[in-house]
Amino acid sequence: MISKEQFQKELELIIANSIREDVGDGDHSSLACIPADAKGKAKLLVKDTGVIAGVEFAKMVFNYVDAELKVDTFIEDGTEVKHGDVVFHVEGSSQSILKAERLVLNSMQRMSAIATKTKSYVKLLDGTATKVLDTRKTTPGFRACEKWAVKIGGGENHRFALYDMIMLKDNHNDFAGGIPQAIQKTKEYLKANNRDLKIIVEARNLEEVQQILSAGGVYRILLDNFDFETTKKAVEIIGNQCLTESSGNINENTIRKYAECGVNFISSGALTHSIYNMDLSLKAI
């Protein structure tokens, strides 16, 4: 996984680019009718139910826009909220609050939706040893926030991007001439480039599971679109040789049963690509 420093840099880039995109050469709506020295106060109001996420990110946004803005937090990230809850107050320059408003809301609404869905999946696995993973199926330019939201909801992050873990999927294996060839070439590449990256390999059937195990040196096997019975057989075959992960069209109705097959992880793109934003608003008080 990427370092804390790299992750922080990603967040800073998201904020800088989003403000550039939204503000451009000025928030002319505010500049036109609000005095530069006007002070104001607003509250972050919840109009939905779920898990709040993005509070700390919102603080980063407000600080980027105007370091003089003061935020008083009443509800922390990861807390279950309901309609009518007030998450925080922000106070200071009225122009600055309005400049930051849309980025704060867009980010928190999406992050809260992701955290809420993740928490629901985690609850479904209560009592098992299986952990919920996200994927790279994220919104371009907003990945760090979405993966942060998964963590807030109680899930775990998969690799952050293409550069921090090796993941050999079906196309890699087919283009390389087969699973044994793909794994061997990967080991040679890592050695030649002095890189220490974990290797995950996707299997489409039990024969491919055996091929991966025979090649060795793999951190985790991804059991892609396996049914329940085949997943159980794969887990038995793999044993303690490496970790296991189930993936592929797993939803609220099937996730528990896959966990009961004994896999270590279940990854779901739905955590980030199939959610409805939580309804939040920033209101002047």
C-alpha atoms as a PDB file:
ATOM      1  CA  MET A   1       0.000   0.000   0.000  1.00  0.00           C
ATOM      2  CA  ILE A   2       1.043   3.596  -0.425  1.00  0.00           C
ATOM      3  CA  SER A   3       2.600   5.489   2.481  1.00  0.00           C
ATOM      4  CA  LYS A   4       0.758   7.997   4.662  1.00  0.00           C
ATOM      5  CA  GLU A   5       2.800  10.733   3.035  1.00  0.00           C
ATOM      6  CA  GLN A   6       1.744   9.640  -0.454  1.00  0.00           C
ATOM      7  CA  PHE A   7      -1.884   9.383   0.625  1.00  0.00           C
ATOM      8  CA  GLN A   8      -1.775  12.879   2.139  1.00  0.00           C
ATOM      9  CA  LYS A   9      -0.338  14.186  -1.119  1.00  0.00           C
ATOM     10  CA  GLU A  10      -3.192  12.585  -3.051  1.00  0.00           C
ATOM     11  CA  LEU A  11      -5.717  14.355  -0.814  1.00  0.00           C
ATOM     12  CA  GLU A  12      -3.970  17.688  -1.294  1.00  0.00           C
ATOM     13  CA  LEU A  13      -4.029  17.210  -5.062  1.00  0.00           C
ATOM     14  CA  ILE A  14      -7.759  16.440  -4.975  1.00  0.00           C
ATOM     15  CA  ILE A  15      -8.462  19.655  -3.066  1.00  0.00           C
ATOM     16  CA  ALA A  16      -6.244  21.864  -5.217  1.00  0.00           C
ATOM     17  CA  ASN A  17      -7.640  20.514  -8.480  1.00  0.00           C
ATOM     18  CA  SER A  18     -11.252  20.616  -7.302  1.00  0.00           C
ATOM     19  CA  ILE A  19     -11.002  24.230  -6.159  1.00  0.00           C
ATOM     20  CA  ARG A  20      -9.288  25.126  -9.437  1.00  0.00           C
ATOM     21  CA  GLU A  21     -12.088  23.441 -11.357  1.00  0.00           C
ATOM     22  CA  ASP A  22     -14.909  25.026  -9.339  1.00  0.00           C
ATOM     23  CA  VAL A  23     -13.606  28.514  -8.566  1.00  0.00           C
ATOM     24  CA  GLY A  24     -11.496  29.374 -11.599  1.00  0.00           C
ATOM     25  CA  ASP A  25     -10.721  33.100 -11.560  1.00  0.00           C
ATOM     26  CA  GLY A  26     -13.202  33.775  -8.778  1.00  0.00           C
ATOM     27  CA  ASP A  27     -16.534  33.000  -7.118  1.00  0.00           C
ATOM     28  CA  HIS A  28     -18.233  35.915  -8.828  1.00  0.00           C
ATOM     29  CA  SER A  29     -21.632  35.152  -7.271  1.00  0.00           C
ATOM     30  CA  SER A  30     -20.218  35.820  -3.802  1.00  0.00           C
ATOM     31  CA  LEU A  31     -17.879  38.571  -4.915  1.00  0.00           C
ATOM     32  CA  ALA A  32     -20.803  40.423  -6.468  1.00  0.00           C
ATOM     33  CA  CYS A  33     -23.078  40.627  -3.431  1.00  0.00           C
ATOM     34  CA  ILE A  34     -21.123  39.820  -0.244  1.00  0.00           C
ATOM     35  CA  PRO A  35     -18.591  42.301   1.226  1.00  0.00           C
ATOM     36  CA  ALA A  36     -15.043  41.013   1.494  1.00  0.00           C
ATOM     37  CA  ASP A  37     -15.021  41.605   5.258  1.00  0.00           C
ATOM     38  CA  ALA A  38     -18.407  39.936   5.936  1.00  0.00           C
ATOM     39  CA  LYS A  39     -18.370  37.187   8.556  1.00  0.00           C
ATOM     40  CA  GLY A  40     -20.758  34.253   8.682  1.00  0.00           C
ATOM     41  CA  LYS A  41     -21.520  30.888  10.227  1.00  0.00           C
ATOM     42  CA  ALA A  42     -22.971  27.706   8.729  1.00  0.00           C
ATOM     43  CA  LYS A  43     -23.890  24.208   9.853  1.00  0.00           C
ATOM     44  CA  LEU A  44     -23.498  20.869   8.110  1.00  0.00           C
ATOM     45  CA  LEU A  45     -27.004  19.390   8.301  1.00  0.00           C
ATOM     46  CA  VAL A  46     -27.821  15.704   7.816  1.00  0.00           C
ATOM     47  CA  LYS A  47     -31.006  15.008   5.852  1.00  0.00           C
ATOM     48  CA  ASP A  48     -30.589  11.246   5.616  1.00  0.00           C
ATOM     49  CA  THR A  49     -29.500   8.200   7.629  1.00  0.00           C
ATOM     50  CA  GLY A  50     -26.202   6.339   7.457  1.00  0.00           C
ATOM     51  CA  VAL A  51     -22.541   6.647   8.402  1.00  0.00           C
ATOM     52  CA  ILE A  52     -21.002  10.109   8.184  1.00  0.00           C
ATOM     53  CA  ALA A  53     -17.635  10.362   6.425  1.00  0.00           C
ATOM     54  CA  GLY A  54     -15.491  13.211   5.193  1.00  0.00           C
ATOM     55  CA  VAL A  55     -15.478  15.408   8.293  1.00  0.00           C
ATOM     56  CA  GLU A  56     -11.701  15.474   8.464  1.00  0.00           C
ATOM     57  CA  PHE A  57     -11.491  16.002   4.714  1.00  0.00           C
ATOM     58  CA  ALA A  58     -13.893  18.937   4.997  1.00  0.00           C
ATOM     59  CA  LYS A  59     -11.560  20.504   7.549  1.00  0.00           C
ATOM     60  CA  MET A  60      -8.727  20.173   5.037  1.00  0.00           C
ATOM     61  CA  VAL A  61     -10.848  21.889   2.385  1.00  0.00           C
ATOM     62  CA  PHE A  62     -11.810  24.781   4.658  1.00  0.00           C
ATOM     63  CA  ASN A  63      -8.190  25.224   5.717  1.00  0.00           C
ATOM     64  CA  TYR A  64      -7.025  25.221   2.086  1.00  0.00           C
ATOM     65  CA  VAL A  65      -9.568  27.857   1.123  1.00  0.00           C
ATOM     66  CA  ASP A  66      -9.035  30.004   4.214  1.00  0.00           C
ATOM     67  CA  ALA A  67      -6.851  29.078   7.177  1.00  0.00           C
ATOM     68  CA  GLU A  68      -8.823  31.542   9.304  1.00  0.00           C
ATOM     69  CA  LEU A  69     -12.035  29.519   9.080  1.00  0.00           C
ATOM     70  CA  LYS A  70     -12.947  27.840  12.365  1.00  0.00           C
ATOM     71  CA  VAL A  71     -14.650  24.434  12.450  1.00  0.00           C
ATOM     72  CA  ASP A  72     -16.407  23.109  15.556  1.00  0.00           C
ATOM     73  CA  THR A  73     -17.061  19.379  15.184  1.00  0.00           C
ATOM     74  CA  PHE A  74     -19.956  17.658  16.936  1.00  0.00           C
ATOM     75  CA  ILE A  75     -20.003  14.311  15.105  1.00  0.00           C
ATOM     76  CA  GLU A  76     -16.850  12.461  14.060  1.00  0.00           C
ATOM     77  CA  ASP A  77     -16.174  10.347  10.977  1.00  0.00           C
ATOM     78  CA  GLY A  78     -17.614   6.816  11.230  1.00  0.00           C
ATOM     79  CA  THR A  79     -20.583   7.796  13.396  1.00  0.00           C
ATOM     80  CA  GLU A  80     -24.075   6.663  12.444  1.00  0.00           C
ATOM     81  CA  VAL A  81     -26.278   9.713  11.843  1.00  0.00           C
ATOM     82  CA  LYS A  82     -29.947  10.471  11.245  1.00  0.00           C
ATOM     83  CA  HIS A  83     -32.042  13.227   9.706  1.00  0.00           C
ATOM     84  CA  GLY A  84     -31.623  16.482  11.596  1.00  0.00           C
ATOM     85  CA  ASP A  85     -28.173  15.825  13.048  1.00  0.00           C
ATOM     86  CA  VAL A  86     -25.670  18.676  12.840  1.00  0.00           C
ATOM     87  CA  VAL A  87     -22.151  17.442  12.101  1.00  0.00           C
ATOM     88  CA  PHE A  88     -20.212  20.685  12.496  1.00  0.00           C
ATOM     89  CA  HIS A  89     -20.315  24.475  12.430  1.00  0.00           C
ATOM     90  CA  VAL A  90     -17.932  26.501  10.303  1.00  0.00           C
ATOM     91  CA  GLU A  91     -17.356  30.174  11.031  1.00  0.00           C
ATOM     92  CA  GLY A  92     -15.389  32.976   9.401  1.00  0.00           C
ATOM     93  CA  SER A  93     -15.338  34.795   6.086  1.00  0.00           C
ATOM     94  CA  SER A  94     -18.699  34.391   4.338  1.00  0.00           C
ATOM     95  CA  GLN A  95     -16.992  34.439   0.948  1.00  0.00           C
ATOM     96  CA  SER A  96     -14.606  31.664   2.011  1.00  0.00           C
ATOM     97  CA  ILE A  97     -17.404  29.464   3.374  1.00  0.00           C
ATOM     98  CA  LEU A  98     -19.286  29.762   0.097  1.00  0.00           C
ATOM     99  CA  LYS A  99     -16.152  29.080  -1.938  1.00  0.00           C
ATOM    100  CA  ALA A 100     -15.580  25.803  -0.069  1.00  0.00           C
ATOM    101  CA  GLU A 101     -19.240  24.776   0.207  1.00  0.00           C
ATOM    102  CA  ARG A 102     -19.716  22.703  -2.941  1.00  0.00           C
ATOM    103  CA  LEU A 103     -16.479  20.721  -2.633  1.00  0.00           C
ATOM    104  CA  VAL A 104     -17.251  19.953   1.006  1.00  0.00           C
ATOM    105  CA  LEU A 105     -20.777  18.780   0.195  1.00  0.00           C
ATOM    106  CA  ASN A 106     -19.892  16.821  -2.934  1.00  0.00           C
ATOM    107  CA  SER A 107     -17.097  15.024  -1.081  1.00  0.00           C
ATOM    108  CA  MET A 108     -18.958  14.315   2.144  1.00  0.00           C
ATOM    109  CA  GLN A 109     -22.123  13.157   0.392  1.00  0.00           C
ATOM    110  CA  ARG A 110     -20.208  10.588  -1.646  1.00  0.00           C
ATOM    111  CA  MET A 111     -17.838   9.550   1.124  1.00  0.00           C
ATOM    112  CA  SER A 112     -20.743   9.069   3.536  1.00  0.00           C
ATOM    113  CA  ALA A 113     -22.605   6.920   1.019  1.00  0.00           C
ATOM    114  CA  ILE A 114     -19.521   4.722   0.562  1.00  0.00           C
ATOM    115  CA  ALA A 115     -18.948   4.439   4.306  1.00  0.00           C
ATOM    116  CA  THR A 116     -22.617   3.550   4.807  1.00  0.00           C
ATOM    117  CA  LYS A 117     -22.569   0.785   2.192  1.00  0.00           C
ATOM    118  CA  THR A 118     -19.260  -0.545   3.482  1.00  0.00           C
ATOM    119  CA  LYS A 119     -20.591  -0.642   7.052  1.00  0.00           C
ATOM    120  CA  SER A 120     -23.622  -2.623   5.885  1.00  0.00           C
ATOM    121  CA  TYR A 121     -21.341  -5.214   4.244  1.00  0.00           C
ATOM    122  CA  VAL A 122     -19.116  -5.402   7.310  1.00  0.00           C
ATOM    123  CA  LYS A 123     -22.154  -6.017   9.522  1.00  0.00           C
ATOM    124  CA  LEU A 124     -23.270  -8.859   7.253  1.00  0.00           C
ATOM    125  CA  LEU A 125     -19.913 -10.565   7.908  1.00  0.00           C
ATOM    126  CA  ASP A 126     -20.105 -10.178  11.690  1.00  0.00           C
ATOM    127  CA  GLY A 127     -18.793 -13.328  13.375  1.00  0.00           C
ATOM    128  CA  THR A 128     -16.685 -14.441  10.413  1.00  0.00           C
ATOM    129  CA  ALA A 129     -12.974 -13.861   9.850  1.00  0.00           C
ATOM    130  CA  THR A 130     -13.518 -12.447   6.361  1.00  0.00           C
ATOM    131  CA  LYS A 131     -12.668  -8.810   5.613  1.00  0.00           C
ATOM    132  CA  VAL A 132     -14.294  -6.521   3.047  1.00  0.00           C
ATOM    133  CA  LEU A 133     -12.035  -4.979   0.389  1.00  0.00           C
ATOM    134  CA  ASP A 134     -12.570  -2.151  -2.070  1.00  0.00           C
ATOM    135  CA  THR A 135     -11.258  -2.118  -5.666  1.00  0.00           C
ATOM    136  CA  ARG A 136      -9.895   0.336  -8.258  1.00  0.00           C
ATOM    137  CA  LYS A 137     -13.439   0.933  -9.541  1.00  0.00           C
ATOM    138  CA  THR A 138     -13.394   4.473  -8.226  1.00  0.00           C
ATOM    139  CA  THR A 139     -14.224   7.943  -9.504  1.00  0.00           C
ATOM    140  CA  PRO A 140     -11.255   9.296 -11.516  1.00  0.00           C
ATOM    141  CA  GLY A 141      -9.429  11.957  -9.519  1.00  0.00           C
ATOM    142  CA  PHE A 142     -11.239  11.155  -6.274  1.00  0.00           C
ATOM    143  CA  ARG A 143      -9.822   7.737  -5.370  1.00  0.00           C
ATOM    144  CA  ALA A 144      -8.053   8.702  -2.146  1.00  0.00           C
ATOM    145  CA  CYS A 145     -11.273  10.051  -0.624  1.00  0.00           C
ATOM    146  CA  GLU A 146     -13.299   7.034  -1.701  1.00  0.00           C
ATOM    147  CA  LYS A 147     -10.794   4.586  -0.266  1.00  0.00           C
ATOM    148  CA  TRP A 148     -10.643   6.668   2.925  1.00  0.00           C
ATOM    149  CA  ALA A 149     -14.440   6.344   3.143  1.00  0.00           C
ATOM    150  CA  VAL A 150     -14.175   2.556   2.884  1.00  0.00           C
ATOM    151  CA  LYS A 151     -11.824   2.555   5.871  1.00  0.00           C
ATOM    152  CA  ILE A 152     -14.199   4.819   7.807  1.00  0.00           C
ATOM    153  CA  GLY A 153     -16.983   2.310   7.121  1.00  0.00           C
ATOM    154  CA  GLY A 154     -14.924  -0.534   8.571  1.00  0.00           C
ATOM    155  CA  GLY A 155     -13.627  -2.054   5.346  1.00  0.00           C
ATOM    156  CA  GLU A 156     -10.071  -2.553   4.138  1.00  0.00           C
ATOM    157  CA  ASN A 157      -8.248  -1.027   1.195  1.00  0.00           C
ATOM    158  CA  HIS A 158      -7.049  -3.229  -1.637  1.00  0.00           C
ATOM    159  CA  ARG A 159      -4.083  -1.870  -3.562  1.00  0.00           C
ATOM    160  CA  PHE A 160      -4.325   1.873  -4.109  1.00  0.00           C
ATOM    161  CA  ALA A 161      -3.324   1.838  -7.759  1.00  0.00           C
ATOM    162  CA  LEU A 162      -1.346  -0.063 -10.364  1.00  0.00           C
ATOM    163  CA  TYR A 163       1.997   0.792  -8.789  1.00  0.00           C
ATOM    164  CA  ASP A 164       1.729  -0.529  -5.216  1.00  0.00           C
ATOM    165  CA  MET A 165       0.867  -4.201  -5.792  1.00  0.00           C
ATOM    166  CA  ILE A 166       1.063  -6.750  -8.602  1.00  0.00           C
ATOM    167  CA  MET A 167      -2.326  -8.103  -9.659  1.00  0.00           C
ATOM    168  CA  LEU A 168      -2.322 -10.574 -12.536  1.00  0.00           C
ATOM    169  CA  LYS A 169      -5.845 -10.814 -13.904  1.00  0.00           C
ATOM    170  CA  ASP A 170      -7.169 -12.916 -16.770  1.00  0.00           C
ATOM    171  CA  ASN A 171      -5.976 -10.548 -19.503  1.00  0.00           C
ATOM    172  CA  HIS A 172      -2.469 -10.349 -18.037  1.00  0.00           C
ATOM    173  CA  ASN A 173      -2.285 -14.130 -17.863  1.00  0.00           C
ATOM    174  CA  ASP A 174      -3.668 -14.624 -21.370  1.00  0.00           C
ATOM    175  CA  PHE A 175      -1.408 -11.983 -22.926  1.00  0.00           C
ATOM    176  CA  ALA A 176       1.611 -13.490 -21.144  1.00  0.00           C
ATOM    177  CA  GLY A 177       0.888 -16.960 -22.525  1.00  0.00           C
ATOM    178  CA  GLY A 178      -0.632 -18.485 -19.409  1.00  0.00           C
ATOM    179  CA  ILE A 179      -0.560 -18.287 -15.630  1.00  0.00           C
ATOM    180  CA  PRO A 180       2.846 -20.008 -15.103  1.00  0.00           C
ATOM    181  CA  GLN A 181       4.467 -17.696 -17.644  1.00  0.00           C
ATOM    182  CA  ALA A 182       2.848 -14.581 -16.175  1.00  0.00           C
ATOM    183  CA  ILE A 183       4.013 -15.418 -12.668  1.00  0.00           C
ATOM    184  CA  GLN A 184       7.546 -16.315 -13.761  1.00  0.00           C
ATOM    185  CA  LYS A 185       7.901 -13.133 -15.819  1.00  0.00           C
ATOM    186  CA  THR A 186       6.596 -11.109 -12.884  1.00  0.00           C
ATOM    187  CA  LYS A 187       9.154 -12.591 -10.496  1.00  0.00           C
ATOM    188  CA  GLU A 188      11.923 -11.831 -12.973  1.00  0.00           C
ATOM    189  CA  TYR A 189      10.654  -8.265 -13.439  1.00  0.00           C
ATOM    190  CA  LEU A 190      10.540  -7.609  -9.697  1.00  0.00           C
ATOM    191  CA  LYS A 191      14.052  -8.979  -9.215  1.00  0.00           C
ATOM    192  CA  ALA A 192      15.479  -7.054 -12.164  1.00  0.00           C
ATOM    193  CA  ASN A 193      13.932  -3.811 -10.950  1.00  0.00           C
ATOM    194  CA  ASN A 194      14.648  -4.407  -7.264  1.00  0.00           C
ATOM    195  CA  ARG A 195      10.998  -4.064  -6.305  1.00  0.00           C
ATOM    196  CA  ASP A 196       9.285  -5.715  -3.363  1.00  0.00           C
ATOM    197  CA  LEU A 197       5.613  -5.914  -4.372  1.00  0.00           C
ATOM    198  CA  LYS A 198       3.090  -8.525  -3.313  1.00  0.00           C
ATOM    199  CA  ILE A 199       1.612 -10.669  -6.079  1.00  0.00           C
ATOM    200  CA  ILE A 200      -2.091 -11.460  -6.447  1.00  0.00           C
ATOM    201  CA  VAL A 201      -3.223 -13.782  -9.231  1.00  0.00           C
ATOM    202  CA  GLU A 202      -6.750 -14.291 -10.513  1.00  0.00           C
ATOM    203  CA  ALA A 203      -8.081 -17.813 -11.019  1.00  0.00           C
ATOM    204  CA  ARG A 204     -11.140 -18.634 -13.118  1.00  0.00           C
ATOM    205  CA  ASN A 205     -11.381 -22.300 -12.111  1.00  0.00           C
ATOM    206  CA  LEU A 206      -9.786 -24.944  -9.880  1.00  0.00           C
ATOM    207  CA  GLU A 207      -7.268 -25.927 -12.564  1.00  0.00           C
ATOM    208  CA  GLU A 208      -5.916 -22.371 -12.548  1.00  0.00           C
ATOM    209  CA  VAL A 209      -5.772 -22.441  -8.739  1.00  0.00           C
ATOM    210  CA  GLN A 210      -3.480 -25.465  -9.005  1.00  0.00           C
ATOM    211  CA  GLN A 211      -1.315 -23.704 -11.594  1.00  0.00           C
ATOM    212  CA  ILE A 212      -0.895 -20.701  -9.298  1.00  0.00           C
ATOM    213  CA  LEU A 213       0.034 -22.875  -6.324  1.00  0.00           C
ATOM    214  CA  SER A 214       2.547 -24.818  -8.421  1.00  0.00           C
ATOM    215  CA  ALA A 215       4.225 -21.583  -9.499  1.00  0.00           C
ATOM    216  CA  GLY A 216       4.515 -20.414  -5.872  1.00  0.00           C
ATOM    217  CA  GLY A 217       5.484 -17.050  -4.472  1.00  0.00           C
ATOM    218  CA  VAL A 218       1.964 -15.649  -4.627  1.00  0.00           C
ATOM    219  CA  TYR A 219       0.523 -13.552  -1.777  1.00  0.00           C
ATOM    220  CA  ARG A 220      -3.157 -14.041  -2.576  1.00  0.00           C
ATOM    221  CA  ILE A 221      -5.351 -15.911  -5.048  1.00  0.00           C
ATOM    222  CA  LEU A 222      -8.405 -14.110  -6.392  1.00  0.00           C
ATOM    223  CA  LEU A 223     -11.268 -16.550  -6.929  1.00  0.00           C
ATOM    224  CA  ASP A 224     -13.200 -14.759  -9.651  1.00  0.00           C
ATOM    225  CA  ASN A 225     -16.888 -15.592 -10.140  1.00  0.00           C
ATOM    226  CA  PHE A 226     -16.626 -18.936  -8.355  1.00  0.00           C
ATOM    227  CA  ASP A 227     -19.867 -20.433  -7.048  1.00  0.00           C
ATOM    228  CA  PHE A 228     -20.149 -21.405  -3.381  1.00  0.00           C
ATOM    229  CA  GLU A 229     -19.181 -25.061  -3.750  1.00  0.00           C
ATOM    230  CA  THR A 230     -16.184 -24.340  -5.957  1.00  0.00           C
ATOM    231  CA  THR A 231     -15.068 -21.616  -3.551  1.00  0.00           C
ATOM    232  CA  LYS A 232     -15.127 -24.112  -0.678  1.00  0.00           C
ATOM    233  CA  LYS A 233     -13.065 -26.576  -2.711  1.00  0.00           C
ATOM    234  CA  ALA A 234     -10.569 -23.871  -3.659  1.00  0.00           C
ATOM    235  CA  VAL A 235     -10.148 -22.804  -0.024  1.00  0.00           C
ATOM    236  CA  GLU A 236      -9.484 -26.428   0.964  1.00  0.00           C
ATOM    237  CA  ILE A 237      -6.921 -26.856  -1.822  1.00  0.00           C
ATOM    238  CA  ILE A 238      -5.116 -23.615  -1.014  1.00  0.00           C
ATOM    239  CA  GLY A 239      -5.064 -24.155   2.748  1.00  0.00           C
ATOM    240  CA  ASN A 240      -2.323 -22.051   4.321  1.00  0.00           C
ATOM    241  CA  GLN A 241      -0.232 -21.720   1.164  1.00  0.00           C
ATOM    242  CA  CYS A 242      -1.502 -18.198   0.546  1.00  0.00           C
ATOM    243  CA  LEU A 243      -4.467 -15.926   1.245  1.00  0.00           C
ATOM    244  CA  THR A 244      -7.770 -16.124  -0.606  1.00  0.00           C
ATOM    245  CA  GLU A 245     -10.142 -13.520  -2.013  1.00  0.00           C
ATOM    246  CA  SER A 246     -13.594 -13.883  -3.545  1.00  0.00           C
ATOM    247  CA  SER A 247     -14.818 -11.416  -6.133  1.00  0.00           C
ATOM    248  CA  GLY A 248     -17.309 -11.038  -8.933  1.00  0.00           C
ATOM    249  CA  ASN A 249     -20.942  -9.922  -8.654  1.00  0.00           C
ATOM    250  CA  ILE A 250     -21.080 -10.468  -4.904  1.00  0.00           C
ATOM    251  CA  ASN A 251     -23.916  -8.544  -3.251  1.00  0.00           C
ATOM    252  CA  GLU A 252     -25.807  -8.179   0.034  1.00  0.00           C
ATOM    253  CA  ASN A 253     -27.601 -11.474  -0.557  1.00  0.00           C
ATOM    254  CA  THR A 254     -24.502 -13.579  -1.230  1.00  0.00           C
ATOM    255  CA  ILE A 255     -21.630 -11.984   0.685  1.00  0.00           C
ATOM    256  CA  ARG A 256     -22.260 -13.871   3.941  1.00  0.00           C
ATOM    257  CA  LYS A 257     -22.351 -17.243   2.188  1.00  0.00           C
ATOM    258  CA  TYR A 258     -19.048 -16.539   0.449  1.00  0.00           C
ATOM    259  CA  ALA A 259     -17.502 -15.592   3.779  1.00  0.00           C
ATOM    260  CA  GLU A 260     -18.721 -18.882   5.250  1.00  0.00           C
ATOM    261  CA  CYS A 261     -16.730 -20.668   2.522  1.00  0.00           C
ATOM    262  CA  GLY A 262     -13.635 -19.588   4.474  1.00  0.00           C
ATOM    263  CA  VAL A 263     -12.087 -16.931   2.220  1.00  0.00           C
ATOM    264  CA  ASN A 264      -9.890 -14.296   3.853  1.00  0.00           C
ATOM    265  CA  PHE A 265     -11.231 -11.388   1.815  1.00  0.00           C
ATOM    266  CA  ILE A 266     -14.199 -10.412  -0.298  1.00  0.00           C
ATOM    267  CA  SER A 267     -13.670  -7.516  -2.711  1.00  0.00           C
ATOM    268  CA  SER A 268     -16.549  -5.487  -4.056  1.00  0.00           C
ATOM    269  CA  GLY A 269     -16.526  -2.729  -6.654  1.00  0.00           C
ATOM    270  CA  ALA A 270     -20.078  -1.885  -5.580  1.00  0.00           C
ATOM    271  CA  LEU A 271     -18.704  -0.146  -2.484  1.00  0.00           C
ATOM    272  CA  THR A 272     -17.581   2.727  -4.692  1.00  0.00           C
ATOM    273  CA  HIS A 273     -19.327   2.452  -8.055  1.00  0.00           C
ATOM    274  CA  SER A 274     -22.924   1.695  -7.052  1.00  0.00           C
ATOM    275  CA  ILE A 275     -23.941   4.071  -4.274  1.00  0.00           C
ATOM    276  CA  TYR A 276     -26.385   6.931  -3.841  1.00  0.00           C
ATOM    277  CA  ASN A 277     -25.032  10.068  -2.210  1.00  0.00           C
ATOM    278  CA  MET A 278     -26.136  10.855   1.313  1.00  0.00           C
ATOM    279  CA  ASP A 279     -28.318  13.944   1.496  1.00  0.00           C
ATOM    280  CA  LEU A 280     -26.375  16.699   3.304  1.00  0.00           C
ATOM    281  CA  SER A 281     -26.576  20.471   3.183  1.00  0.00           C
ATOM    282  CA  LEU A 282     -24.578  23.444   4.454  1.00  0.00           C
ATOM    283  CA  LYS A 283     -26.952  26.055   5.858  1.00  0.00           C
ATOM    284  CA  ALA A 284     -26.224  29.555   7.144  1.00  0.00           C
ATOM    285  CA  ILE A 285     -27.091  30.101  10.809  1.00  0.00           C
END
